[in-house]
Amino acid sequence: MNFDLSDEQAMLRDLVQRFGADRYDAAKRLAYLREPRGFADANWAMLAETGLLAFALPEEAGGFGGSPVDIITVMEALGRFVAVEPVLPALIMGAGLVAKAGTQAQRDALLPAIVGGEAIVALALFEKQARFGLDQVRTRVTGGRISGAKQMVLGGGHANAFIVAARADEGAPLTLHLVEAGAPGVSIEPYRLVDGSHAADVRFADTPAEPMAGGEAELAGVMDQARLAVSAELLGLMEMMFAATLDYLKTRQQFGQPLGSFQALQHRMADCYARLELSRSQLYRAAGAGADGRAAAIVGAKAYIAQSAVHIGEESVQLHGGIGTTEELLVGQAFKRVMALVTLLGDGDHDLDAYIAMTTKAAREDQARA
């Protein structure tokens, strides 16, 4: 495999890195989180002006391409400085689903506003009884009106519209519908996650809804992209925590010598480094997988990377000592972000079960064809 970035992808990476270097440190990040929407409007507008908000969209939708490599390049760079901007919910999930599943009129109306930083479309997908699966979704759509309750809608508290997954009847396929945030019957209960980001529980009571052109297939494709994006952001967070901890061990003195001179700590850091590089390999493998095995490769990579990220986060906090548990250091803030991401779109048990089911099915199909 060729792991070299194209000129355009290198430009994207460098653009994100400059954005983070100019605008982020531990204190500034906390200030952004205290903003009403959990991020600075000026920073979001600046990203829109540079065109970066279009990175995840295909070229026919006015984007930069939206390939798996584009996504992991940007998300890994964002993770390195623990970005608070709602790139995952607004661009990967919301804008991505509008581009893939929206009607032409919906794409024409929403995509320019999203990439211009003027609108956010949130995906209202999961329900309490359904956990991470979608077979138990009970939100119903009848005659162009939706009723039901969704939980953990990322960015739901400040979204302009929702993409809602619903069914006409029990056992019917999922369909996607566009609902304005201010439509009659919509009630929104916003709250903060452990990392300070915004989510909301959203209820729909006989709410007018506009059907979208796509359905389950398009939703599955966007969810694969979202899991890949989560994995890439986790990798960036791991890189940041590992580098900060390594620097601390080299400079912090104990018993008249740097902490990094103690062999026991060197062994722990070597283990973290191995996990980091194995996670990188898993991410690249998932991004380069063919269409037939991509979904399994992505969910398998997410399961491994999430486990490794928690391990590196715990080690980083512990090796920093008491200050590692505070928000004075970016390490502490990064670990909270890790804990928010590792159960997003599926916890470890769900992802491992999904990976086993996918790979077992593929093996049986190959055996049947042979």
Protein backbone atom coordinates (compact mmCIF):
# COMPACT_ATOMS: atom_id res chain seq x y z
CA MET A 1 0.00 0.00 0.00
CA ASN A 2 1.09 3.57 -0.67
CA PHE A 3 0.79 5.64 2.50
CA ASP A 4 2.01 8.90 0.95
CA LEU A 5 -0.54 11.71 0.90
CA SER A 6 -1.44 13.51 -2.28
CA ASP A 7 -0.64 17.22 -2.55
CA GLU A 8 -4.27 18.07 -1.77
CA GLN A 9 -4.36 15.79 1.28
CA ALA A 10 -1.07 17.19 2.57
CA MET A 11 -2.54 20.67 2.16
CA LEU A 12 -5.58 19.65 4.22
CA ARG A 13 -3.36 18.24 6.98
CA ASP A 14 -1.15 21.33 7.06
CA LEU A 15 -4.17 23.62 7.12
CA VAL A 16 -5.62 21.84 10.15
CA GLN A 17 -2.27 21.77 11.92
CA ARG A 18 -1.79 25.54 11.44
CA PHE A 19 -5.31 26.14 12.73
CA GLY A 20 -4.56 24.15 15.89
CA ALA A 21 -1.13 25.68 16.45
CA ASP A 22 -2.52 29.22 16.24
CA ARG A 23 -5.68 28.74 18.29
CA TYR A 24 -5.26 25.94 20.81
CA ASP A 25 -3.75 25.33 24.21
CA ALA A 26 -5.27 23.96 27.42
CA ALA A 27 -6.69 27.31 28.57
CA LYS A 28 -8.04 28.35 25.17
CA ARG A 29 -9.76 24.99 24.69
CA LEU A 30 -11.59 25.34 28.01
CA ALA A 31 -12.68 28.83 26.99
CA TYR A 32 -14.10 27.49 23.74
CA LEU A 33 -16.06 24.83 25.63
CA ARG A 34 -17.66 27.55 27.78
CA GLU A 35 -19.16 29.16 24.66
CA PRO A 36 -22.93 28.66 24.28
CA ARG A 37 -22.48 26.07 21.51
CA GLY A 38 -19.36 24.47 22.99
CA PHE A 39 -17.04 25.93 20.37
CA ALA A 40 -16.03 29.39 19.17
CA ASP A 41 -18.19 30.78 16.37
CA ALA A 42 -15.21 32.75 15.08
CA ASN A 43 -13.16 29.59 14.68
CA TRP A 44 -16.00 27.82 12.86
CA ALA A 45 -16.39 30.80 10.53
CA MET A 46 -12.66 30.80 9.85
CA LEU A 47 -12.76 27.11 8.92
CA ALA A 48 -15.64 27.88 6.57
CA GLU A 49 -13.68 30.70 4.93
CA THR A 50 -10.74 28.39 4.25
CA GLY A 51 -13.09 25.82 2.67
CA LEU A 52 -12.16 23.16 5.21
CA LEU A 53 -15.79 22.47 6.11
CA ALA A 54 -16.16 20.87 2.66
CA PHE A 55 -13.38 18.30 3.14
CA ALA A 56 -15.70 15.35 3.81
CA LEU A 57 -18.01 15.93 0.84
CA PRO A 58 -17.62 14.43 -2.64
CA GLU A 59 -16.56 16.73 -5.44
CA GLU A 60 -19.99 16.59 -7.09
CA ALA A 61 -21.41 18.05 -3.88
CA GLY A 62 -18.90 20.89 -3.85
CA GLY A 63 -16.41 19.17 -1.55
CA PHE A 64 -12.77 18.14 -1.61
CA GLY A 65 -13.46 14.46 -2.26
CA GLY A 66 -14.43 12.89 1.06
CA SER A 67 -12.33 9.76 0.54
CA PRO A 68 -11.38 7.60 3.55
CA VAL A 69 -7.85 9.01 3.39
CA ASP A 70 -9.19 12.58 3.38
CA ILE A 71 -11.25 11.80 6.47
CA ILE A 72 -8.51 10.14 8.50
CA THR A 73 -5.99 12.83 7.56
CA VAL A 74 -8.15 15.67 8.87
CA MET A 75 -9.56 13.85 11.89
CA GLU A 76 -6.16 12.64 13.08
CA ALA A 77 -4.83 16.20 12.85
CA LEU A 78 -7.83 17.51 14.81
CA GLY A 79 -7.24 14.92 17.51
CA ARG A 80 -3.66 16.07 18.04
CA PHE A 81 -4.83 19.35 19.57
CA VAL A 82 -8.13 18.03 21.02
CA ALA A 83 -10.33 20.16 18.80
CA VAL A 84 -13.82 21.08 20.03
CA GLU A 85 -15.33 22.04 16.67
CA PRO A 86 -18.28 19.72 15.77
CA VAL A 87 -16.62 18.23 12.71
CA LEU A 88 -17.86 14.69 13.37
CA PRO A 89 -21.58 15.42 13.89
CA ALA A 90 -21.91 18.38 11.53
CA LEU A 91 -19.69 17.39 8.60
CA ILE A 92 -19.04 13.63 8.63
CA MET A 93 -22.51 12.61 9.78
CA GLY A 94 -24.88 15.48 9.01
CA ALA A 95 -23.49 16.92 5.80
CA GLY A 96 -22.33 13.48 4.67
CA LEU A 97 -25.84 12.07 4.90
CA VAL A 98 -27.38 15.09 3.18
CA ALA A 99 -24.93 14.57 0.30
CA LYS A 100 -25.57 10.81 0.06
CA ALA A 101 -29.26 10.54 0.89
CA GLY A 102 -30.79 13.95 0.28
CA THR A 103 -32.93 14.91 -2.66
CA GLN A 104 -31.46 17.38 -5.12
CA ALA A 105 -33.54 20.17 -3.60
CA GLN A 106 -32.34 19.25 -0.08
CA ARG A 107 -28.71 19.16 -1.17
CA ASP A 108 -29.02 22.49 -2.96
CA ALA A 109 -30.63 24.11 0.10
CA LEU A 110 -28.47 22.66 2.87
CA LEU A 111 -24.96 21.89 1.65
CA PRO A 112 -23.93 25.47 0.79
CA ALA A 113 -25.16 26.63 4.20
CA ILE A 114 -23.30 23.82 5.99
CA VAL A 115 -19.95 24.34 4.26
CA GLY A 116 -20.42 28.09 4.73
CA GLY A 117 -20.66 27.58 8.49
CA GLU A 118 -24.21 28.92 8.59
CA ALA A 119 -26.13 25.73 9.36
CA ILE A 120 -25.69 22.45 11.22
CA VAL A 121 -27.70 19.33 10.45
CA ALA A 122 -27.62 16.67 13.20
CA LEU A 123 -28.29 12.96 12.82
CA ALA A 124 -31.06 11.75 15.17
CA LEU A 125 -30.53 8.01 15.06
CA PHE A 126 -30.15 6.13 18.33
CA GLU A 127 -32.87 5.27 20.83
CA LYS A 128 -32.71 4.10 24.43
CA GLN A 129 -34.10 0.61 23.89
CA ALA A 130 -32.10 0.08 20.67
CA ARG A 131 -28.66 0.71 22.23
CA PHE A 132 -26.15 0.77 19.34
CA GLY A 133 -28.24 -1.37 17.02
CA LEU A 134 -30.93 -0.09 14.69
CA ASP A 135 -33.23 -3.10 14.53
CA GLN A 136 -35.18 -1.88 17.58
CA VAL A 137 -35.79 1.69 16.37
CA ARG A 138 -39.40 2.54 17.27
CA THR A 139 -39.75 6.07 15.91
CA ARG A 140 -42.67 6.00 13.49
CA VAL A 141 -43.49 8.00 10.39
CA THR A 142 -47.05 8.15 9.10
CA GLY A 143 -48.39 10.45 6.46
CA GLY A 144 -45.33 12.67 6.48
CA ARG A 145 -45.33 13.08 10.27
CA ILE A 146 -42.88 11.62 12.79
CA SER A 147 -43.36 10.61 16.42
CA GLY A 148 -40.69 9.16 18.68
CA ALA A 149 -37.68 9.91 20.89
CA LYS A 150 -33.98 9.98 20.04
CA GLN A 151 -31.07 10.12 22.47
CA MET A 152 -27.44 11.21 22.22
CA VAL A 153 -28.00 13.44 19.21
CA LEU A 154 -24.57 15.01 18.83
CA GLY A 155 -24.85 18.76 18.36
CA GLY A 156 -28.60 18.46 18.72
CA GLY A 157 -28.92 21.47 21.01
CA HIS A 158 -27.78 23.92 18.34
CA ALA A 159 -28.77 22.11 15.14
CA ASN A 160 -30.86 23.89 12.51
CA ALA A 161 -32.36 20.61 11.29
CA PHE A 162 -32.35 16.90 12.04
CA ILE A 163 -32.05 13.83 9.88
CA VAL A 164 -34.34 11.35 11.61
CA ALA A 165 -34.35 7.58 11.09
CA ALA A 166 -37.84 6.11 11.39
CA ARG A 167 -40.07 3.26 10.26
CA ALA A 168 -43.59 3.15 8.87
CA ASP A 169 -44.32 -0.06 10.81
CA GLU A 170 -42.52 -2.59 12.98
CA GLY A 171 -40.22 -4.64 10.78
CA ALA A 172 -40.31 -2.13 7.94
CA PRO A 173 -37.00 -0.78 6.61
CA LEU A 174 -35.58 2.40 8.07
CA THR A 175 -36.29 5.56 6.14
CA LEU A 176 -34.67 8.96 6.53
CA HIS A 177 -36.52 12.23 7.00
CA LEU A 178 -35.50 15.86 7.30
CA VAL A 179 -37.06 17.80 10.19
CA GLU A 180 -36.57 21.48 10.96
CA ALA A 181 -35.41 22.08 14.52
CA GLY A 182 -38.16 24.64 15.04
CA ALA A 183 -40.95 22.49 13.61
CA PRO A 184 -44.11 21.88 15.67
CA GLY A 185 -43.81 18.96 18.07
CA VAL A 186 -40.01 19.09 18.43
CA SER A 187 -38.68 19.23 21.99
CA ILE A 188 -34.94 19.34 22.68
CA GLU A 189 -33.15 18.60 25.96
CA PRO A 190 -29.49 19.59 25.57
CA TYR A 191 -26.70 18.45 27.89
CA ARG A 192 -22.93 18.12 28.05
CA LEU A 193 -20.90 14.96 27.63
CA VAL A 194 -17.91 14.07 29.79
CA ASP A 195 -15.54 15.95 27.48
CA GLY A 196 -17.66 19.10 27.49
CA SER A 197 -19.12 18.61 24.00
CA HIS A 198 -22.84 19.04 23.34
CA ALA A 199 -25.52 16.41 22.78
CA ALA A 200 -29.28 16.35 23.22
CA ASP A 201 -32.28 14.10 23.61
CA VAL A 202 -34.87 15.03 21.01
CA ARG A 203 -38.56 14.14 20.95
CA PHE A 204 -40.90 14.35 17.97
CA ALA A 205 -44.65 14.49 18.47
CA ASP A 206 -46.58 14.29 15.19
CA THR A 207 -43.89 16.51 13.66
CA PRO A 208 -43.92 17.40 9.95
CA ALA A 209 -41.07 15.61 8.17
CA GLU A 210 -39.70 15.76 4.64
CA PRO A 211 -38.67 12.38 3.18
CA MET A 212 -35.14 11.96 1.87
CA ALA A 213 -34.13 10.04 -1.24
CA GLY A 214 -31.79 7.56 0.46
CA GLY A 215 -32.30 5.00 3.16
CA GLU A 216 -30.51 2.20 4.99
CA ALA A 217 -27.72 1.72 2.45
CA GLU A 218 -26.71 5.39 2.52
CA LEU A 219 -27.00 5.47 6.30
CA ALA A 220 -24.71 2.44 6.62
CA GLY A 221 -22.11 4.11 4.39
CA VAL A 222 -22.11 7.29 6.45
CA MET A 223 -21.88 5.35 9.71
CA ASP A 224 -18.80 3.56 8.35
CA GLN A 225 -17.26 6.96 7.60
CA ALA A 226 -18.17 8.18 11.08
CA ARG A 227 -16.54 5.17 12.75
CA LEU A 228 -13.44 5.70 10.64
CA ALA A 229 -13.41 9.36 11.68
CA VAL A 230 -13.73 8.42 15.36
CA SER A 231 -10.82 5.99 15.00
CA ALA A 232 -8.65 8.64 13.34
CA GLU A 233 -9.44 11.24 16.00
CA LEU A 234 -8.59 8.70 18.70
CA LEU A 235 -5.25 8.09 17.00
CA GLY A 236 -4.52 11.82 17.03
CA LEU A 237 -5.44 12.00 20.72
CA MET A 238 -3.17 9.06 21.47
CA GLU A 239 -0.29 10.75 19.65
CA MET A 240 -0.80 13.93 21.62
CA MET A 241 -0.98 12.16 25.01
CA PHE A 242 2.01 9.95 24.26
CA ALA A 243 4.19 12.88 23.10
CA ALA A 244 3.22 15.02 26.10
CA THR A 245 3.94 12.18 28.54
CA LEU A 246 7.27 11.35 26.93
CA ASP A 247 8.33 14.99 27.17
CA TYR A 248 7.24 15.11 30.82
CA LEU A 249 9.24 12.01 31.71
CA LYS A 250 12.32 13.51 30.09
CA THR A 251 12.10 16.76 32.06
CA ARG A 252 10.51 15.89 35.41
CA GLN A 253 13.22 15.21 37.99
CA GLN A 254 12.88 12.65 40.80
CA PHE A 255 15.70 11.46 43.07
CA GLY A 256 18.07 13.70 41.13
CA GLN A 257 17.38 12.22 37.70
CA PRO A 258 14.66 12.39 35.01
CA LEU A 259 11.69 10.08 35.50
CA GLY A 260 12.37 8.70 32.04
CA SER A 261 15.62 7.16 33.24
CA PHE A 262 13.75 4.57 35.31
CA GLN A 263 13.51 1.30 33.44
CA ALA A 264 10.03 0.41 34.67
CA LEU A 265 8.65 3.63 33.18
CA GLN A 266 10.56 3.04 29.96
CA HIS A 267 8.86 -0.35 29.63
CA ARG A 268 5.43 1.23 30.09
CA MET A 269 6.14 3.87 27.47
CA ALA A 270 7.45 1.23 25.07
CA ASP A 271 4.17 -0.65 25.47
CA CYS A 272 2.24 2.56 24.74
CA TYR A 273 4.35 3.19 21.65
CA ALA A 274 3.68 -0.31 20.34
CA ARG A 275 -0.06 0.15 20.85
CA LEU A 276 0.09 3.51 19.11
CA GLU A 277 1.83 2.13 16.03
CA LEU A 278 -0.42 -0.93 15.87
CA SER A 279 -3.43 1.39 16.05
CA ARG A 280 -2.02 3.43 13.17
CA SER A 281 -1.65 0.23 11.12
CA GLN A 282 -5.25 -0.76 11.91
CA LEU A 283 -6.48 2.68 10.83
CA TYR A 284 -4.56 2.62 7.54
CA ARG A 285 -5.75 -0.92 6.86
CA ALA A 286 -9.36 0.12 7.38
CA ALA A 287 -9.00 3.23 5.20
CA GLY A 288 -7.46 1.18 2.39
CA ALA A 289 -9.86 -1.76 2.55
CA GLY A 290 -11.89 -2.65 -0.50
CA ALA A 291 -15.64 -2.16 -0.63
CA ASP A 292 -16.40 -5.80 0.24
CA GLY A 293 -14.47 -5.82 3.51
CA ARG A 294 -14.47 -2.14 4.44
CA ALA A 295 -17.26 -2.22 7.03
CA ALA A 296 -15.66 -5.11 8.92
CA ALA A 297 -12.19 -3.56 8.74
CA ILE A 298 -13.48 -0.26 10.09
CA VAL A 299 -15.43 -1.69 13.02
CA GLY A 300 -12.51 -3.98 13.87
CA ALA A 301 -10.08 -1.06 13.78
CA LYS A 302 -12.36 1.01 15.99
CA ALA A 303 -12.54 -1.78 18.57
CA TYR A 304 -8.75 -2.10 18.77
CA ILE A 305 -7.98 1.62 18.61
CA ALA A 306 -10.55 2.46 21.30
CA GLN A 307 -9.04 -0.08 23.69
CA SER A 308 -5.52 1.21 23.01
CA ALA A 309 -6.60 4.82 23.44
CA VAL A 310 -8.02 4.12 26.89
CA HIS A 311 -4.80 2.34 27.88
CA ILE A 312 -2.56 5.16 26.68
CA GLY A 313 -4.83 7.73 28.30
CA GLU A 314 -4.72 5.95 31.65
CA GLU A 315 -0.95 5.62 31.48
CA SER A 316 -0.52 9.27 30.50
CA VAL A 317 -2.67 10.52 33.36
CA GLN A 318 -0.98 8.26 35.89
CA LEU A 319 2.57 9.07 34.78
CA HIS A 320 1.82 12.78 35.05
CA GLY A 321 0.71 12.26 38.63
CA GLY A 322 -2.04 14.28 40.29
CA ILE A 323 -1.91 17.11 37.76
CA GLY A 324 -2.76 14.63 35.03
CA THR A 325 -6.29 14.35 36.38
CA THR A 326 -6.90 18.09 36.11
CA GLU A 327 -7.83 20.25 33.15
CA GLU A 328 -4.72 22.39 33.56
CA LEU A 329 -2.98 20.04 31.16
CA LEU A 330 -4.24 19.13 27.72
CA VAL A 331 -3.55 15.50 28.63
CA GLY A 332 -6.43 15.50 31.11
CA GLN A 333 -8.75 17.12 28.60
CA ALA A 334 -7.67 14.68 25.90
CA PHE A 335 -8.43 11.70 28.13
CA LYS A 336 -11.97 12.98 28.68
CA ARG A 337 -12.38 13.27 24.91
CA VAL A 338 -11.14 9.70 24.55
CA MET A 339 -13.73 8.48 27.05
CA ALA A 340 -16.48 10.25 25.11
CA LEU A 341 -15.39 8.73 21.79
CA VAL A 342 -14.72 5.10 22.74
CA THR A 343 -18.41 4.32 23.31
CA LEU A 344 -19.68 6.49 20.46
CA LEU A 345 -21.50 4.52 17.73
CA GLY A 346 -20.73 1.31 19.62
CA ASP A 347 -18.76 0.27 22.70
CA GLY A 348 -16.03 -2.39 22.69
CA ASP A 349 -18.38 -5.35 23.10
CA HIS A 350 -20.67 -4.13 20.33
CA ASP A 351 -17.80 -3.50 17.92
CA LEU A 352 -16.15 -6.87 18.58
CA ASP A 353 -19.47 -8.70 18.15
CA ALA A 354 -20.11 -6.81 14.91
CA TYR A 355 -16.62 -7.61 13.62
CA ILE A 356 -16.98 -11.31 14.40
CA ALA A 357 -20.40 -11.45 12.74
CA MET A 358 -19.18 -9.66 9.60
CA THR A 359 -16.03 -11.71 9.16
CA THR A 360 -17.83 -14.99 9.88
CA LYS A 361 -20.47 -14.17 7.28
CA ALA A 362 -17.83 -13.24 4.71
CA ALA A 363 -15.92 -16.48 5.36
CA ARG A 364 -19.07 -18.56 4.91
CA GLU A 365 -19.89 -16.77 1.65
CA ASP A 366 -16.38 -17.39 0.35
CA GLN A 367 -16.65 -21.04 1.35
CA ALA A 368 -20.01 -21.35 -0.42
CA ARG A 369 -18.61 -19.83 -3.61
CA ALA A 370 -15.64 -22.20 -3.50
